[in-house]
Amino acid sequence: MSALLLRDLRLAMRHPADSLAAVMFFVLVAALFPFGVGPAPEALARLAPGALLASGLLAALLPLDRLFGADAEDGSLDQLLVSGVHPAAIAFVKAVAHWVTTGVPLVVATPVVSAMLNLPVEAWGVAMLAVGLATAVLSLLGTAGAALTLGARRGGVLLPLLVLPLAIPAVIFGAAAIEAAAGGLPAAPYLLFLGAGLCLALPLAPLAAGAALSQH
């Protein structure tokens, strides 16, 4: 598992276009909100929590359709499946690699997007934590979705339709945590709910993805 994780991280470092595209998408989508709602600081601050989480999760979706696709095309996935490593373990490693190469850069870019959306500085730390937890949930759910749509025609279209409805609780609790922090209220209860969702997805999503991979 560690060798597979290092392999995926090395491949991502050699081809950083997916991570860079996700970060640029995150920033550009957030930059559109001032044009849509106007430059009024109060309006931007009111929309910032939801806009931050929604644009972050949409950006994290971009590399998911290639999560297993490249390995399936060159035969690496078949070799992994017959190597003795459990399919759920393969899916878990893929989810971790996706979060490290996509979720972490989005967390780093969160202060920039927060400033663009006029989010109070006091809420930036909570925003980074919420984006980190929410993208981790999406990485796990997206791994299951990518395994289910592997080899399907127009799988790139089906994947968001499968994953985004399941990610709605992450958007709700993450945005609520940021809004609470911006208003000077405790954000811990919402972050705990978000962490509970991550704990629920942590065992279930790799098992679902592994079951789908075993049928590949």
N, C-alpha and C. Protein backbone atom coordinates (compact mmCIF):
# COMPACT_ATOMS: atom_id res chain seq x y z
N MET A 1 0.83 -1.21 0.00
CA MET A 1 0.00 0.00 0.00
C MET A 1 0.86 1.26 0.00
N SER A 2 1.94 1.24 0.80
CA SER A 2 2.81 2.40 0.83
C SER A 2 3.51 2.60 -0.52
N ALA A 3 3.90 1.49 -1.16
CA ALA A 3 4.53 1.61 -2.48
C ALA A 3 3.56 2.16 -3.50
N LEU A 4 2.30 1.74 -3.42
CA LEU A 4 1.29 2.25 -4.34
C LEU A 4 1.03 3.72 -4.11
N LEU A 5 0.99 4.15 -2.84
CA LEU A 5 0.78 5.56 -2.53
C LEU A 5 1.94 6.40 -3.04
N LEU A 6 3.17 5.95 -2.82
CA LEU A 6 4.33 6.70 -3.31
C LEU A 6 4.34 6.76 -4.83
N ARG A 7 3.92 5.68 -5.46
CA ARG A 7 3.85 5.67 -6.93
C ARG A 7 2.87 6.73 -7.43
N ASP A 8 1.67 6.77 -6.83
CA ASP A 8 0.67 7.74 -7.27
C ASP A 8 1.12 9.17 -7.00
N LEU A 9 1.79 9.39 -5.88
CA LEU A 9 2.28 10.73 -5.57
C LEU A 9 3.38 11.16 -6.53
N ARG A 10 4.26 10.22 -6.89
CA ARG A 10 5.31 10.54 -7.86
C ARG A 10 4.71 10.86 -9.22
N LEU A 11 3.72 10.10 -9.63
CA LEU A 11 3.07 10.38 -10.91
C LEU A 11 2.40 11.75 -10.90
N ALA A 12 1.79 12.10 -9.77
CA ALA A 12 1.14 13.41 -9.67
C ALA A 12 2.16 14.54 -9.70
N MET A 13 3.33 14.33 -9.11
CA MET A 13 4.36 15.36 -9.13
C MET A 13 4.96 15.53 -10.52
N ARG A 14 5.02 14.43 -11.29
CA ARG A 14 5.55 14.53 -12.64
C ARG A 14 4.55 15.21 -13.58
N HIS A 15 3.28 15.07 -13.27
CA HIS A 15 2.23 15.66 -14.11
C HIS A 15 1.29 16.48 -13.21
N PRO A 16 1.71 17.68 -12.82
CA PRO A 16 0.94 18.46 -11.85
C PRO A 16 -0.24 19.21 -12.46
N ALA A 17 -0.58 18.92 -13.72
CA ALA A 17 -1.64 19.69 -14.37
C ALA A 17 -2.99 19.52 -13.67
N ASP A 18 -3.30 18.31 -13.19
CA ASP A 18 -4.58 18.09 -12.54
C ASP A 18 -4.71 18.92 -11.26
N SER A 19 -3.68 18.91 -10.44
CA SER A 19 -3.72 19.69 -9.20
C SER A 19 -3.80 21.18 -9.49
N LEU A 20 -3.01 21.64 -10.47
CA LEU A 20 -3.03 23.06 -10.81
C LEU A 20 -4.38 23.46 -11.38
N ALA A 21 -4.98 22.58 -12.20
CA ALA A 21 -6.29 22.89 -12.78
C ALA A 21 -7.35 22.98 -11.69
N ALA A 22 -7.28 22.11 -10.69
CA ALA A 22 -8.25 22.16 -9.60
C ALA A 22 -8.15 23.46 -8.82
N VAL A 23 -6.92 23.89 -8.53
CA VAL A 23 -6.73 25.14 -7.78
C VAL A 23 -7.20 26.33 -8.61
N MET A 24 -6.86 26.35 -9.88
CA MET A 24 -7.28 27.46 -10.73
C MET A 24 -8.80 27.50 -10.87
N PHE A 25 -9.42 26.34 -10.99
CA PHE A 25 -10.87 26.28 -11.05
C PHE A 25 -11.49 26.82 -9.77
N PHE A 26 -10.93 26.44 -8.63
CA PHE A 26 -11.39 26.92 -7.33
C PHE A 26 -11.34 28.44 -7.27
N VAL A 27 -10.22 29.02 -7.66
CA VAL A 27 -10.05 30.47 -7.60
C VAL A 27 -10.96 31.18 -8.60
N LEU A 28 -11.05 30.65 -9.82
CA LEU A 28 -11.84 31.32 -10.84
C LEU A 28 -13.33 31.27 -10.55
N VAL A 29 -13.82 30.13 -10.06
CA VAL A 29 -15.24 30.05 -9.71
C VAL A 29 -15.57 31.04 -8.60
N ALA A 30 -14.70 31.10 -7.58
CA ALA A 30 -14.92 32.07 -6.51
C ALA A 30 -14.85 33.50 -7.03
N ALA A 31 -14.00 33.75 -8.02
CA ALA A 31 -13.88 35.10 -8.57
C ALA A 31 -15.12 35.52 -9.34
N LEU A 32 -15.94 34.57 -9.78
CA LEU A 32 -17.16 34.92 -10.52
C LEU A 32 -18.26 35.46 -9.61
N PHE A 33 -18.23 35.10 -8.33
CA PHE A 33 -19.31 35.52 -7.43
C PHE A 33 -19.41 37.03 -7.29
N PRO A 34 -18.30 37.78 -7.16
CA PRO A 34 -18.45 39.25 -7.10
C PRO A 34 -19.10 39.84 -8.34
N PHE A 35 -18.89 39.21 -9.50
CA PHE A 35 -19.53 39.72 -10.71
C PHE A 35 -21.02 39.41 -10.71
N GLY A 36 -21.40 38.28 -10.10
CA GLY A 36 -22.81 37.89 -10.10
C GLY A 36 -23.64 38.61 -9.07
N VAL A 37 -23.11 38.81 -7.87
CA VAL A 37 -23.90 39.41 -6.78
C VAL A 37 -23.52 40.85 -6.52
N GLY A 38 -22.49 41.34 -7.20
CA GLY A 38 -22.06 42.71 -6.98
C GLY A 38 -20.90 42.77 -6.01
N PRO A 39 -20.18 43.88 -6.00
CA PRO A 39 -18.98 43.98 -5.16
C PRO A 39 -19.25 44.40 -3.72
N ALA A 40 -20.52 44.47 -3.31
CA ALA A 40 -20.83 44.91 -1.95
C ALA A 40 -20.20 43.95 -0.94
N PRO A 41 -19.37 44.45 -0.02
CA PRO A 41 -18.70 43.54 0.93
C PRO A 41 -19.67 42.73 1.78
N GLU A 42 -20.80 43.32 2.17
CA GLU A 42 -21.74 42.60 3.01
C GLU A 42 -22.36 41.41 2.28
N ALA A 43 -22.71 41.63 1.01
CA ALA A 43 -23.31 40.54 0.22
C ALA A 43 -22.30 39.42 -0.01
N LEU A 44 -21.06 39.78 -0.28
CA LEU A 44 -20.03 38.76 -0.51
C LEU A 44 -19.77 37.96 0.76
N ALA A 45 -19.69 38.65 1.90
CA ALA A 45 -19.43 37.95 3.15
C ALA A 45 -20.57 37.01 3.51
N ARG A 46 -21.79 37.37 3.15
CA ARG A 46 -22.94 36.51 3.45
C ARG A 46 -22.92 35.24 2.60
N LEU A 47 -22.45 35.36 1.35
CA LEU A 47 -22.42 34.21 0.45
C LEU A 47 -21.12 33.41 0.56
N ALA A 48 -20.12 33.95 1.23
CA ALA A 48 -18.79 33.34 1.23
C ALA A 48 -18.76 31.90 1.73
N PRO A 49 -19.41 31.55 2.85
CA PRO A 49 -19.29 30.16 3.32
C PRO A 49 -19.78 29.13 2.31
N GLY A 50 -20.98 29.33 1.77
CA GLY A 50 -21.50 28.38 0.79
C GLY A 50 -20.71 28.38 -0.50
N ALA A 51 -20.31 29.57 -0.96
CA ALA A 51 -19.54 29.65 -2.21
C ALA A 51 -18.19 28.98 -2.07
N LEU A 52 -17.57 29.13 -0.89
CA LEU A 52 -16.26 28.53 -0.66
C LEU A 52 -16.33 27.02 -0.71
N LEU A 53 -17.31 26.45 0.00
CA LEU A 53 -17.42 24.98 0.03
C LEU A 53 -17.85 24.42 -1.32
N ALA A 54 -18.83 25.06 -1.96
CA ALA A 54 -19.33 24.54 -3.23
C ALA A 54 -18.25 24.58 -4.30
N SER A 55 -17.54 25.69 -4.42
CA SER A 55 -16.50 25.79 -5.44
C SER A 55 -15.34 24.86 -5.14
N GLY A 56 -15.02 24.66 -3.85
CA GLY A 56 -13.95 23.74 -3.49
C GLY A 56 -14.27 22.30 -3.85
N LEU A 57 -15.50 21.88 -3.57
CA LEU A 57 -15.87 20.50 -3.88
C LEU A 57 -15.97 20.28 -5.39
N LEU A 58 -16.47 21.27 -6.10
CA LEU A 58 -16.52 21.14 -7.56
C LEU A 58 -15.11 21.06 -8.15
N ALA A 59 -14.19 21.83 -7.59
CA ALA A 59 -12.81 21.76 -8.07
C ALA A 59 -12.18 20.40 -7.78
N ALA A 60 -12.50 19.83 -6.60
CA ALA A 60 -11.94 18.53 -6.26
C ALA A 60 -12.48 17.41 -7.14
N LEU A 61 -13.62 17.64 -7.78
CA LEU A 61 -14.20 16.63 -8.67
C LEU A 61 -13.42 16.46 -9.97
N LEU A 62 -12.70 17.49 -10.38
CA LEU A 62 -12.10 17.50 -11.71
C LEU A 62 -11.19 16.30 -11.99
N PRO A 63 -10.27 15.93 -11.09
CA PRO A 63 -9.37 14.81 -11.43
C PRO A 63 -9.96 13.43 -11.18
N LEU A 64 -11.18 13.34 -10.66
CA LEU A 64 -11.69 12.05 -10.22
C LEU A 64 -11.95 11.08 -11.37
N ASP A 65 -12.32 11.59 -12.54
CA ASP A 65 -12.65 10.67 -13.63
C ASP A 65 -11.42 9.94 -14.16
N ARG A 66 -10.22 10.43 -13.80
CA ARG A 66 -8.98 9.76 -14.21
C ARG A 66 -8.35 8.98 -13.06
N LEU A 67 -9.07 8.83 -11.95
CA LEU A 67 -8.50 8.20 -10.77
C LEU A 67 -8.08 6.76 -11.06
N PHE A 68 -8.95 6.02 -11.72
CA PHE A 68 -8.65 4.64 -12.10
C PHE A 68 -8.47 4.50 -13.61
N GLY A 69 -8.87 5.51 -14.36
CA GLY A 69 -8.87 5.40 -15.81
C GLY A 69 -7.50 5.16 -16.41
N ALA A 70 -6.50 5.92 -15.94
CA ALA A 70 -5.16 5.77 -16.50
C ALA A 70 -4.59 4.38 -16.22
N ASP A 71 -4.81 3.89 -14.99
CA ASP A 71 -4.30 2.56 -14.65
C ASP A 71 -5.05 1.47 -15.42
N ALA A 72 -6.34 1.69 -15.68
CA ALA A 72 -7.10 0.70 -16.44
C ALA A 72 -6.63 0.65 -17.89
N GLU A 73 -6.25 1.80 -18.44
CA GLU A 73 -5.84 1.85 -19.84
C GLU A 73 -4.50 1.15 -20.08
N ASP A 74 -3.55 1.32 -19.16
CA ASP A 74 -2.22 0.72 -19.39
C ASP A 74 -2.07 -0.66 -18.74
N GLY A 75 -3.14 -1.18 -18.13
CA GLY A 75 -3.08 -2.51 -17.55
C GLY A 75 -2.58 -2.56 -16.12
N SER A 76 -2.20 -1.41 -15.55
CA SER A 76 -1.69 -1.41 -14.18
C SER A 76 -2.75 -1.84 -13.18
N LEU A 77 -3.99 -1.46 -13.43
CA LEU A 77 -5.06 -1.81 -12.50
C LEU A 77 -5.26 -3.32 -12.44
N ASP A 78 -5.20 -3.98 -13.59
CA ASP A 78 -5.35 -5.44 -13.59
C ASP A 78 -4.20 -6.11 -12.82
N GLN A 79 -3.01 -5.57 -12.96
CA GLN A 79 -1.87 -6.11 -12.22
C GLN A 79 -2.04 -5.92 -10.71
N LEU A 80 -2.58 -4.77 -10.34
CA LEU A 80 -2.80 -4.51 -8.92
C LEU A 80 -3.86 -5.46 -8.35
N LEU A 81 -4.89 -5.72 -9.14
CA LEU A 81 -5.99 -6.56 -8.65
C LEU A 81 -5.56 -8.01 -8.47
N VAL A 82 -4.57 -8.45 -9.24
CA VAL A 82 -4.11 -9.84 -9.10
C VAL A 82 -2.84 -9.95 -8.25
N SER A 83 -2.42 -8.82 -7.68
CA SER A 83 -1.18 -8.84 -6.90
C SER A 83 -1.37 -9.33 -5.49
N GLY A 84 -2.61 -9.51 -5.06
CA GLY A 84 -2.87 -9.95 -3.69
C GLY A 84 -3.31 -8.85 -2.77
N VAL A 85 -3.19 -7.58 -3.21
CA VAL A 85 -3.67 -6.46 -2.40
C VAL A 85 -5.19 -6.40 -2.51
N HIS A 86 -5.86 -6.23 -1.38
CA HIS A 86 -7.32 -6.19 -1.39
C HIS A 86 -7.80 -4.99 -2.20
N PRO A 87 -8.84 -5.16 -3.03
CA PRO A 87 -9.34 -4.03 -3.82
C PRO A 87 -9.73 -2.83 -2.98
N ALA A 88 -10.26 -3.07 -1.78
CA ALA A 88 -10.61 -1.94 -0.91
C ALA A 88 -9.37 -1.16 -0.48
N ALA A 89 -8.25 -1.87 -0.27
CA ALA A 89 -7.00 -1.20 0.08
C ALA A 89 -6.50 -0.36 -1.08
N ILE A 90 -6.64 -0.87 -2.30
CA ILE A 90 -6.25 -0.09 -3.48
C ILE A 90 -7.09 1.18 -3.57
N ALA A 91 -8.39 1.04 -3.35
CA ALA A 91 -9.28 2.21 -3.40
C ALA A 91 -8.93 3.21 -2.31
N PHE A 92 -8.61 2.73 -1.12
CA PHE A 92 -8.25 3.63 -0.02
C PHE A 92 -6.99 4.42 -0.36
N VAL A 93 -5.99 3.75 -0.91
CA VAL A 93 -4.76 4.43 -1.27
C VAL A 93 -5.03 5.47 -2.36
N LYS A 94 -5.88 5.13 -3.32
CA LYS A 94 -6.22 6.09 -4.37
C LYS A 94 -6.90 7.32 -3.78
N ALA A 95 -7.78 7.11 -2.79
CA ALA A 95 -8.47 8.23 -2.16
C ALA A 95 -7.48 9.12 -1.41
N VAL A 96 -6.54 8.50 -0.70
CA VAL A 96 -5.53 9.28 0.02
C VAL A 96 -4.67 10.08 -0.96
N ALA A 97 -4.25 9.44 -2.04
CA ALA A 97 -3.43 10.14 -3.03
C ALA A 97 -4.20 11.30 -3.66
N HIS A 98 -5.49 11.09 -3.92
CA HIS A 98 -6.30 12.17 -4.50
C HIS A 98 -6.39 13.34 -3.53
N TRP A 99 -6.59 13.05 -2.24
CA TRP A 99 -6.72 14.14 -1.29
C TRP A 99 -5.40 14.89 -1.12
N VAL A 100 -4.28 14.15 -1.09
CA VAL A 100 -2.98 14.80 -0.92
C VAL A 100 -2.66 15.70 -2.11
N THR A 101 -2.98 15.24 -3.31
CA THR A 101 -2.61 15.99 -4.52
C THR A 101 -3.65 17.01 -4.93
N THR A 102 -4.87 16.90 -4.44
CA THR A 102 -5.93 17.84 -4.81
C THR A 102 -6.49 18.58 -3.61
N GLY A 103 -6.83 17.85 -2.54
CA GLY A 103 -7.42 18.49 -1.38
C GLY A 103 -6.47 19.42 -0.66
N VAL A 104 -5.23 19.00 -0.47
CA VAL A 104 -4.26 19.84 0.23
C VAL A 104 -3.99 21.14 -0.52
N PRO A 105 -3.76 21.13 -1.86
CA PRO A 105 -3.61 22.41 -2.57
C PRO A 105 -4.84 23.31 -2.44
N LEU A 106 -6.04 22.72 -2.40
CA LEU A 106 -7.24 23.54 -2.23
C LEU A 106 -7.27 24.18 -0.84
N VAL A 107 -6.83 23.43 0.17
CA VAL A 107 -6.75 23.99 1.52
C VAL A 107 -5.77 25.16 1.55
N VAL A 108 -4.64 25.01 0.88
CA VAL A 108 -3.63 26.08 0.84
C VAL A 108 -4.19 27.31 0.13
N ALA A 109 -5.02 27.10 -0.90
CA ALA A 109 -5.58 28.23 -1.66
C ALA A 109 -6.79 28.85 -0.96
N THR A 110 -7.29 28.23 0.11
CA THR A 110 -8.50 28.75 0.76
C THR A 110 -8.35 30.18 1.27
N PRO A 111 -7.24 30.57 1.91
CA PRO A 111 -7.14 31.98 2.33
C PRO A 111 -7.26 32.98 1.19
N VAL A 112 -6.71 32.63 0.02
CA VAL A 112 -6.82 33.53 -1.13
C VAL A 112 -8.27 33.70 -1.54
N VAL A 113 -8.99 32.58 -1.63
CA VAL A 113 -10.40 32.63 -2.01
C VAL A 113 -11.21 33.33 -0.91
N SER A 114 -10.87 33.10 0.34
CA SER A 114 -11.58 33.76 1.45
C SER A 114 -11.43 35.27 1.35
N ALA A 115 -10.24 35.74 1.02
CA ALA A 115 -10.03 37.18 0.87
C ALA A 115 -10.84 37.73 -0.30
N MET A 116 -10.91 36.97 -1.40
CA MET A 116 -11.69 37.41 -2.56
C MET A 116 -13.18 37.53 -2.23
N LEU A 117 -13.66 36.66 -1.33
CA LEU A 117 -15.07 36.66 -0.97
C LEU A 117 -15.36 37.49 0.28
N ASN A 118 -14.36 38.23 0.75
CA ASN A 118 -14.52 39.13 1.89
C ASN A 118 -14.92 38.38 3.16
N LEU A 119 -14.42 37.18 3.32
CA LEU A 119 -14.66 36.44 4.55
C LEU A 119 -13.77 37.02 5.65
N PRO A 120 -14.31 37.22 6.85
CA PRO A 120 -13.49 37.77 7.94
C PRO A 120 -12.26 36.92 8.20
N VAL A 121 -11.16 37.57 8.52
CA VAL A 121 -9.90 36.87 8.74
C VAL A 121 -10.02 35.87 9.88
N GLU A 122 -10.86 36.19 10.85
CA GLU A 122 -11.02 35.29 12.00
C GLU A 122 -11.56 33.92 11.60
N ALA A 123 -12.23 33.84 10.47
CA ALA A 123 -12.84 32.58 10.02
C ALA A 123 -11.96 31.81 9.05
N TRP A 124 -10.80 32.33 8.69
CA TRP A 124 -9.98 31.67 7.69
C TRP A 124 -9.48 30.31 8.16
N GLY A 125 -9.09 30.21 9.43
CA GLY A 125 -8.61 28.93 9.94
C GLY A 125 -9.68 27.86 9.91
N VAL A 126 -10.90 28.24 10.33
CA VAL A 126 -12.01 27.29 10.28
C VAL A 126 -12.34 26.95 8.83
N ALA A 127 -12.24 27.92 7.94
CA ALA A 127 -12.51 27.65 6.53
C ALA A 127 -11.52 26.64 5.96
N MET A 128 -10.26 26.76 6.32
CA MET A 128 -9.26 25.80 5.84
C MET A 128 -9.54 24.40 6.39
N LEU A 129 -9.92 24.33 7.68
CA LEU A 129 -10.22 23.03 8.27
C LEU A 129 -11.47 22.42 7.64
N ALA A 130 -12.49 23.26 7.39
CA ALA A 130 -13.73 22.76 6.78
C ALA A 130 -13.48 22.27 5.36
N VAL A 131 -12.70 23.02 4.59
CA VAL A 131 -12.38 22.59 3.23
C VAL A 131 -11.57 21.30 3.26
N GLY A 132 -10.64 21.18 4.20
CA GLY A 132 -9.85 19.96 4.29
C GLY A 132 -10.70 18.74 4.60
N LEU A 133 -11.61 18.87 5.56
CA LEU A 133 -12.48 17.75 5.91
C LEU A 133 -13.45 17.43 4.78
N ALA A 134 -14.03 18.47 4.18
CA ALA A 134 -15.01 18.25 3.11
C ALA A 134 -14.37 17.61 1.88
N THR A 135 -13.16 18.05 1.53
CA THR A 135 -12.50 17.44 0.37
C THR A 135 -12.06 16.01 0.67
N ALA A 136 -11.75 15.72 1.94
CA ALA A 136 -11.42 14.33 2.30
C ALA A 136 -12.64 13.43 2.13
N VAL A 137 -13.81 13.94 2.54
CA VAL A 137 -15.05 13.18 2.34
C VAL A 137 -15.29 12.97 0.85
N LEU A 138 -15.08 14.04 0.06
CA LEU A 138 -15.32 13.92 -1.38
C LEU A 138 -14.33 12.97 -2.03
N SER A 139 -13.09 12.94 -1.56
CA SER A 139 -12.11 12.00 -2.12
C SER A 139 -12.55 10.57 -1.91
N LEU A 140 -13.08 10.27 -0.73
CA LEU A 140 -13.54 8.90 -0.45
C LEU A 140 -14.78 8.57 -1.28
N LEU A 141 -15.76 9.49 -1.28
CA LEU A 141 -16.97 9.24 -2.06
C LEU A 141 -16.64 9.20 -3.55
N GLY A 142 -15.75 10.07 -3.99
CA GLY A 142 -15.39 10.11 -5.40
C GLY A 142 -14.66 8.87 -5.84
N THR A 143 -13.87 8.27 -4.94
CA THR A 143 -13.20 7.02 -5.28
C THR A 143 -14.22 5.92 -5.55
N ALA A 144 -15.25 5.85 -4.70
CA ALA A 144 -16.31 4.86 -4.94
C ALA A 144 -17.04 5.15 -6.24
N GLY A 145 -17.32 6.42 -6.50
CA GLY A 145 -17.99 6.77 -7.74
C GLY A 145 -17.14 6.48 -8.97
N ALA A 146 -15.84 6.77 -8.87
CA ALA A 146 -14.95 6.50 -10.01
C ALA A 146 -14.84 5.01 -10.28
N ALA A 147 -14.86 4.19 -9.23
CA ALA A 147 -14.81 2.74 -9.42
C ALA A 147 -16.10 2.23 -10.05
N LEU A 148 -17.23 2.80 -9.63
CA LEU A 148 -18.52 2.36 -10.18
C LEU A 148 -18.68 2.74 -11.65
N THR A 149 -18.14 3.88 -12.04
CA THR A 149 -18.29 4.34 -13.43
C THR A 149 -17.11 3.96 -14.31
N LEU A 150 -16.16 3.19 -13.78
CA LEU A 150 -15.00 2.79 -14.57
C LEU A 150 -15.45 1.95 -15.77
N GLY A 151 -15.05 2.38 -16.94
CA GLY A 151 -15.41 1.65 -18.16
C GLY A 151 -16.77 1.99 -18.70
N ALA A 152 -17.56 2.80 -18.00
CA ALA A 152 -18.89 3.16 -18.48
C ALA A 152 -18.79 4.24 -19.54
N ARG A 153 -19.69 4.19 -20.48
CA ARG A 153 -19.75 5.25 -21.47
C ARG A 153 -20.20 6.54 -20.80
N ARG A 154 -19.49 7.64 -21.11
CA ARG A 154 -19.77 8.94 -20.52
C ARG A 154 -19.70 8.86 -19.00
N GLY A 155 -18.69 8.14 -18.52
CA GLY A 155 -18.52 8.02 -17.08
C GLY A 155 -18.20 9.35 -16.42
N GLY A 156 -17.54 10.24 -17.15
CA GLY A 156 -17.25 11.57 -16.60
C GLY A 156 -18.49 12.38 -16.32
N VAL A 157 -19.59 12.09 -17.03
CA VAL A 157 -20.86 12.78 -16.78
C VAL A 157 -21.59 12.14 -15.61
N LEU A 158 -21.50 10.81 -15.52
CA LEU A 158 -22.20 10.10 -14.45
C LEU A 158 -21.57 10.34 -13.08
N LEU A 159 -20.26 10.52 -13.06
CA LEU A 159 -19.55 10.61 -11.78
C LEU A 159 -20.06 11.77 -10.91
N PRO A 160 -20.15 13.01 -11.42
CA PRO A 160 -20.69 14.07 -10.55
C PRO A 160 -22.12 13.81 -10.10
N LEU A 161 -22.92 13.18 -10.97
CA LEU A 161 -24.31 12.90 -10.59
C LEU A 161 -24.39 11.90 -9.44
N LEU A 162 -23.41 11.01 -9.35
CA LEU A 162 -23.37 10.05 -8.25
C LEU A 162 -22.81 10.64 -6.97
N VAL A 163 -21.78 11.46 -7.10
CA VAL A 163 -21.02 11.89 -5.94
C VAL A 163 -21.61 13.13 -5.28
N LEU A 164 -22.02 14.12 -6.08
CA LEU A 164 -22.44 15.40 -5.50
C LEU A 164 -23.63 15.29 -4.55
N PRO A 165 -24.67 14.50 -4.85
CA PRO A 165 -25.75 14.39 -3.86
C PRO A 165 -25.29 13.83 -2.52
N LEU A 166 -24.32 12.92 -2.54
CA LEU A 166 -23.81 12.36 -1.29
C LEU A 166 -22.94 13.36 -0.54
N ALA A 167 -22.41 14.35 -1.25
CA ALA A 167 -21.54 15.34 -0.61
C ALA A 167 -22.31 16.53 -0.06
N ILE A 168 -23.63 16.56 -0.21
CA ILE A 168 -24.41 17.70 0.28
C ILE A 168 -24.24 17.91 1.78
N PRO A 169 -24.28 16.85 2.63
CA PRO A 169 -24.06 17.11 4.07
C PRO A 169 -22.72 17.78 4.36
N ALA A 170 -21.68 17.42 3.61
CA ALA A 170 -20.38 18.06 3.83
C ALA A 170 -20.45 19.55 3.52
N VAL A 171 -21.19 19.94 2.48
CA VAL A 171 -21.35 21.35 2.16
C VAL A 171 -22.14 22.06 3.26
N ILE A 172 -23.20 21.43 3.74
CA ILE A 172 -24.05 22.05 4.76
C ILE A 172 -23.26 22.31 6.04
N PHE A 173 -22.61 21.27 6.57
CA PHE A 173 -21.91 21.44 7.84
C PHE A 173 -20.65 22.28 7.69
N GLY A 174 -19.96 22.16 6.56
CA GLY A 174 -18.78 22.98 6.35
C GLY A 174 -19.13 24.45 6.25
N ALA A 175 -20.17 24.78 5.48
CA ALA A 175 -20.59 26.17 5.37
C ALA A 175 -21.10 26.70 6.70
N ALA A 176 -21.82 25.87 7.45
CA ALA A 176 -22.31 26.29 8.76
C ALA A 176 -21.17 26.59 9.72
N ALA A 177 -20.10 25.78 9.66
CA ALA A 177 -18.94 26.03 10.52
C ALA A 177 -18.28 27.36 10.17
N ILE A 178 -18.11 27.63 8.88
CA ILE A 178 -17.48 28.89 8.46
C ILE A 178 -18.36 30.07 8.85
N GLU A 179 -19.66 29.94 8.65
CA GLU A 179 -20.58 31.03 9.00
C GLU A 179 -20.55 31.30 10.50
N ALA A 180 -20.50 30.23 11.29
CA ALA A 180 -20.44 30.41 12.74
C ALA A 180 -19.15 31.11 13.15
N ALA A 181 -18.03 30.70 12.56
CA ALA A 181 -16.75 31.34 12.89
C ALA A 181 -16.75 32.81 12.48
N ALA A 182 -17.35 33.10 11.33
CA ALA A 182 -17.40 34.50 10.88
C ALA A 182 -18.26 35.35 11.79
N GLY A 183 -19.27 34.74 12.42
CA GLY A 183 -20.15 35.48 13.32
C GLY A 183 -19.69 35.45 14.76
N GLY A 184 -18.53 34.89 15.03
CA GLY A 184 -18.03 34.83 16.39
C GLY A 184 -18.65 33.76 17.24
N LEU A 185 -19.29 32.78 16.64
CA LEU A 185 -19.94 31.69 17.36
C LEU A 185 -19.07 30.43 17.30
N PRO A 186 -19.31 29.46 18.18
CA PRO A 186 -18.50 28.22 18.15
C PRO A 186 -18.75 27.44 16.87
N ALA A 187 -17.67 27.04 16.21
CA ALA A 187 -17.77 26.26 14.98
C ALA A 187 -17.53 24.78 15.24
N ALA A 188 -17.12 24.43 16.45
CA ALA A 188 -16.75 23.04 16.74
C ALA A 188 -17.88 22.04 16.50
N PRO A 189 -19.14 22.33 16.88
CA PRO A 189 -20.20 21.33 16.64
C PRO A 189 -20.35 20.95 15.16
N TYR A 190 -20.27 21.94 14.28
CA TYR A 190 -20.41 21.65 12.85
C TYR A 190 -19.20 20.89 12.32
N LEU A 191 -18.02 21.24 12.82
CA LEU A 191 -16.82 20.51 12.41
C LEU A 191 -16.86 19.07 12.90
N LEU A 192 -17.44 18.86 14.08
CA LEU A 192 -17.56 17.49 14.59
C LEU A 192 -18.51 16.67 13.73
N PHE A 193 -19.61 17.28 13.29
CA PHE A 193 -20.51 16.58 12.37
C PHE A 193 -19.79 16.25 11.06
N LEU A 194 -18.98 17.20 10.58
CA LEU A 194 -18.22 16.97 9.35
C LEU A 194 -17.21 15.85 9.56
N GLY A 195 -16.57 15.84 10.73
CA GLY A 195 -15.65 14.75 11.04
C GLY A 195 -16.35 13.42 11.17
N ALA A 196 -17.58 13.43 11.71
CA ALA A 196 -18.35 12.19 11.80
C ALA A 196 -18.68 11.65 10.41
N GLY A 197 -18.98 12.54 9.47
CA GLY A 197 -19.21 12.10 8.10
C GLY A 197 -17.97 11.49 7.48
N LEU A 198 -16.81 12.06 7.80
CA LEU A 198 -15.56 11.50 7.31
C LEU A 198 -15.31 10.11 7.91
N CYS A 199 -15.59 9.97 9.21
CA CYS A 199 -15.41 8.66 9.86
C CYS A 199 -16.36 7.61 9.27
N LEU A 200 -17.55 8.05 8.86
CA LEU A 200 -18.49 7.12 8.25
C LEU A 200 -18.04 6.71 6.85
N ALA A 201 -17.52 7.67 6.10
CA ALA A 201 -17.09 7.37 4.73
C ALA A 201 -15.77 6.61 4.70
N LEU A 202 -14.97 6.73 5.75
CA LEU A 202 -13.63 6.14 5.75
C LEU A 202 -13.64 4.63 5.55
N PRO A 203 -14.51 3.88 6.23
CA PRO A 203 -14.53 2.43 5.95
C PRO A 203 -15.47 2.04 4.81
N LEU A 204 -16.59 2.78 4.66
CA LEU A 204 -17.62 2.34 3.73
C LEU A 204 -17.26 2.61 2.27
N ALA A 205 -16.70 3.79 1.99
CA ALA A 205 -16.41 4.14 0.60
C ALA A 205 -15.35 3.22 -0.02
N PRO A 206 -14.22 2.94 0.66
CA PRO A 206 -13.27 1.99 0.05
C PRO A 206 -13.84 0.60 -0.15
N LEU A 207 -14.71 0.15 0.76
CA LEU A 207 -15.32 -1.17 0.58
C LEU A 207 -16.22 -1.18 -0.65
N ALA A 208 -17.00 -0.12 -0.83
CA ALA A 208 -17.85 -0.03 -2.02
C ALA A 208 -17.02 0.06 -3.29
N ALA A 209 -15.94 0.86 -3.24
CA ALA A 209 -15.07 0.97 -4.41
C ALA A 209 -14.37 -0.35 -4.70
N GLY A 210 -13.94 -1.04 -3.65
CA GLY A 210 -13.28 -2.33 -3.85
C GLY A 210 -14.21 -3.36 -4.46
N ALA A 211 -15.48 -3.36 -4.01
CA ALA A 211 -16.45 -4.29 -4.60
C ALA A 211 -16.67 -4.00 -6.08
N ALA A 212 -16.69 -2.70 -6.43
CA ALA A 212 -16.85 -2.35 -7.84
C ALA A 212 -15.61 -2.73 -8.65
N LEU A 213 -14.42 -2.53 -8.07
CA LEU A 213 -13.20 -2.89 -8.79
C LEU A 213 -13.07 -4.38 -9.00
N SER A 214 -13.52 -5.15 -8.03
CA SER A 214 -13.42 -6.61 -8.16
C SER A 214 -14.28 -7.15 -9.28
N GLN A 215 -15.29 -6.38 -9.72
CA GLN A 215 -16.12 -6.77 -10.83
C GLN A 215 -15.62 -6.26 -12.17
N HIS A 216 -14.50 -5.50 -12.11
CA HIS A 216 -13.98 -4.91 -13.33
C HIS A 216 -13.40 -5.99 -14.26
